[in-house]
């Protein structure tokens, strides 16, 4: 997943490679916490019930924005959550022990620093605030 500080995928912040669903990933550094305004991704599960949830607080708490992965591969503008993203989670039918794709699990982290890896995008959709 790639995070941007501007809407419409402007001003890249970092790229993040993560491996597990149903695990909270906190943006645990000043360079990332509360900075994201848009995001794009690929190679995530995409059944009709799979979602990527962005949270306004660490540890997947606070306000949340939900992107349905079956129709979205990016969020052009976080709207009400812009500048407050502190954590995220992929919710799927898989469990925490199941990998999202065939990456080696040794490299997973739940607190993310400023240097990660890039994934791309296919389609975009709005995030609903709940």
Protein backbone atom coordinates (compact mmCIF):
# COMPACT_ATOMS: atom_id res chain seq x y z
CA UNK A 1 0.00 0.00 0.00
CA UNK A 2 1.23 3.49 -0.76
CA UNK A 3 0.24 6.44 1.45
CA UNK A 4 0.13 10.06 0.29
CA UNK A 5 -0.05 13.30 2.29
CA UNK A 6 -2.16 14.94 -0.42
CA UNK A 7 -5.54 14.02 -1.87
CA UNK A 8 -5.64 12.42 -5.33
CA UNK A 9 -2.37 10.52 -4.67
CA UNK A 10 -0.19 13.63 -4.38
CA UNK A 11 2.94 13.93 -2.21
CA UNK A 12 3.97 10.31 -1.51
CA UNK A 13 4.66 9.58 2.16
CA UNK A 14 5.74 5.95 2.15
CA UNK A 15 5.00 2.51 0.82
CA UNK A 16 4.02 -0.35 3.09
CA UNK A 17 4.13 -4.09 2.49
CA UNK A 18 2.15 -6.13 4.99
CA UNK A 19 1.27 -9.80 5.09
CA UNK A 20 -1.58 -10.66 7.44
CA UNK A 21 -5.29 -9.97 7.56
CA UNK A 22 -7.16 -9.32 10.80
CA UNK A 23 -4.11 -7.67 12.36
CA UNK A 24 -3.89 -4.02 13.32
CA UNK A 25 -1.00 -2.06 11.79
CA UNK A 26 -0.24 1.22 13.60
CA UNK A 27 1.66 4.02 11.86
CA UNK A 28 4.08 4.31 14.73
CA UNK A 29 6.31 7.27 13.84
CA UNK A 30 5.98 11.04 13.49
CA UNK A 31 6.67 10.88 9.74
CA UNK A 32 3.51 8.79 9.12
CA UNK A 33 1.08 9.21 12.02
CA UNK A 34 -1.80 11.58 11.15
CA UNK A 35 -0.33 12.44 7.74
CA UNK A 36 -2.17 10.34 5.10
CA UNK A 37 -4.79 11.99 2.87
CA UNK A 38 -5.04 9.23 0.23
CA UNK A 39 -3.84 5.67 -0.39
CA UNK A 40 -3.66 3.02 -3.12
CA UNK A 41 -2.97 -0.71 -3.07
CA UNK A 42 -3.08 -4.01 -4.96
CA UNK A 43 -2.80 -7.75 -4.31
CA UNK A 44 -5.20 -7.68 -1.38
CA UNK A 45 -8.11 -10.11 -0.94
CA UNK A 46 -11.15 -8.93 -2.88
CA UNK A 47 -14.24 -10.96 -2.07
CA UNK A 48 -17.47 -9.03 -1.55
CA UNK A 49 -16.95 -8.99 2.24
CA UNK A 50 -13.23 -8.03 2.35
CA UNK A 51 -12.47 -4.51 3.60
CA UNK A 52 -9.52 -2.26 4.35
CA UNK A 53 -10.28 -0.14 7.41
CA UNK A 54 -8.38 3.05 8.29
CA UNK A 55 -8.57 4.34 11.88
CA UNK A 56 -8.00 7.79 13.41
CA UNK A 57 -6.22 6.36 16.49
CA UNK A 58 -3.43 3.85 17.08
CA UNK A 59 -4.34 0.22 17.79
CA UNK A 60 -7.29 0.38 15.35
CA UNK A 61 -9.48 2.59 17.52
CA UNK A 62 -11.25 5.91 17.01
CA UNK A 63 -13.13 7.01 13.91
CA UNK A 64 -12.81 4.70 10.94
CA UNK A 65 -13.10 4.78 7.18
CA UNK A 66 -13.92 1.56 5.34
CA UNK A 67 -12.98 0.67 1.75
CA UNK A 68 -14.62 -2.41 0.19
CA UNK A 69 -11.78 -4.30 -1.52
CA UNK A 70 -14.07 -5.87 -4.14
CA UNK A 71 -14.59 -2.44 -5.75
CA UNK A 72 -11.61 -0.36 -4.60
CA UNK A 73 -7.85 -0.35 -5.00
CA UNK A 74 -7.38 3.15 -3.68
CA UNK A 75 -8.88 6.06 -1.78
CA UNK A 76 -8.44 9.39 -3.56
CA UNK A 77 -9.42 11.46 -0.53
CA UNK A 78 -9.99 10.42 3.08
CA UNK A 79 -12.37 13.40 3.54
CA UNK A 80 -13.23 13.52 7.27
CA UNK A 81 -10.25 11.28 8.15
CA UNK A 82 -7.70 13.27 6.14
CA UNK A 83 -4.63 13.92 8.27
CA UNK A 84 -5.81 11.69 11.11
CA UNK A 85 -4.95 8.15 9.91
CA UNK A 86 -3.02 6.35 12.66
CA UNK A 87 -3.66 2.66 11.93
CA UNK A 88 -5.29 0.23 9.50
CA UNK A 89 -6.49 -3.36 9.19
CA UNK A 90 -7.55 -5.70 6.38
CA UNK A 91 -10.69 -7.63 7.36
CA UNK A 92 -11.21 -10.85 5.40
CA UNK A 93 -12.63 -14.32 5.74
CA UNK A 94 -9.07 -15.46 6.52
CA UNK A 95 -7.66 -15.54 10.03
CA UNK A 96 -4.64 -13.80 11.51
CA UNK A 97 -2.53 -16.88 10.82
CA UNK A 98 -3.37 -16.78 7.10
CA UNK A 99 -1.15 -14.66 4.92
CA UNK A 100 -2.67 -12.14 2.53
CA UNK A 101 -0.39 -13.41 -0.25
CA UNK A 102 2.57 -15.72 -0.52
CA UNK A 103 5.12 -13.41 1.13
CA UNK A 104 7.55 -14.66 3.77
CA UNK A 105 6.06 -13.90 7.23
CA UNK A 106 9.45 -13.16 8.83
CA UNK A 107 9.28 -9.60 7.51
CA UNK A 108 5.92 -8.62 9.06
CA UNK A 109 5.63 -5.77 11.54
CA UNK A 110 2.65 -4.32 13.32
CA UNK A 111 4.23 -0.94 14.02
CA UNK A 112 5.34 0.66 10.79
CA UNK A 113 8.21 3.06 10.38
CA UNK A 114 8.91 5.45 7.51
CA UNK A 115 10.69 2.99 5.16
CA UNK A 116 8.48 0.28 3.67
CA UNK A 117 7.87 -1.22 0.19
CA UNK A 118 5.54 -0.30 -2.69
CA UNK A 119 2.40 -1.90 -4.04
CA UNK A 120 0.32 -0.26 -6.79
CA UNK A 121 -3.34 0.28 -7.67
CA UNK A 122 -6.11 -0.74 -10.07
CA UNK A 123 -9.35 1.12 -9.24
CA UNK A 124 -10.37 3.83 -6.80
CA UNK A 125 -13.37 4.37 -4.53
CA UNK A 126 -14.49 6.58 -1.70
CA UNK A 127 -14.16 5.55 1.93
CA UNK A 128 -17.26 5.55 4.10
CA UNK A 129 -16.91 7.09 7.56
CA UNK A 130 -18.45 5.13 10.45
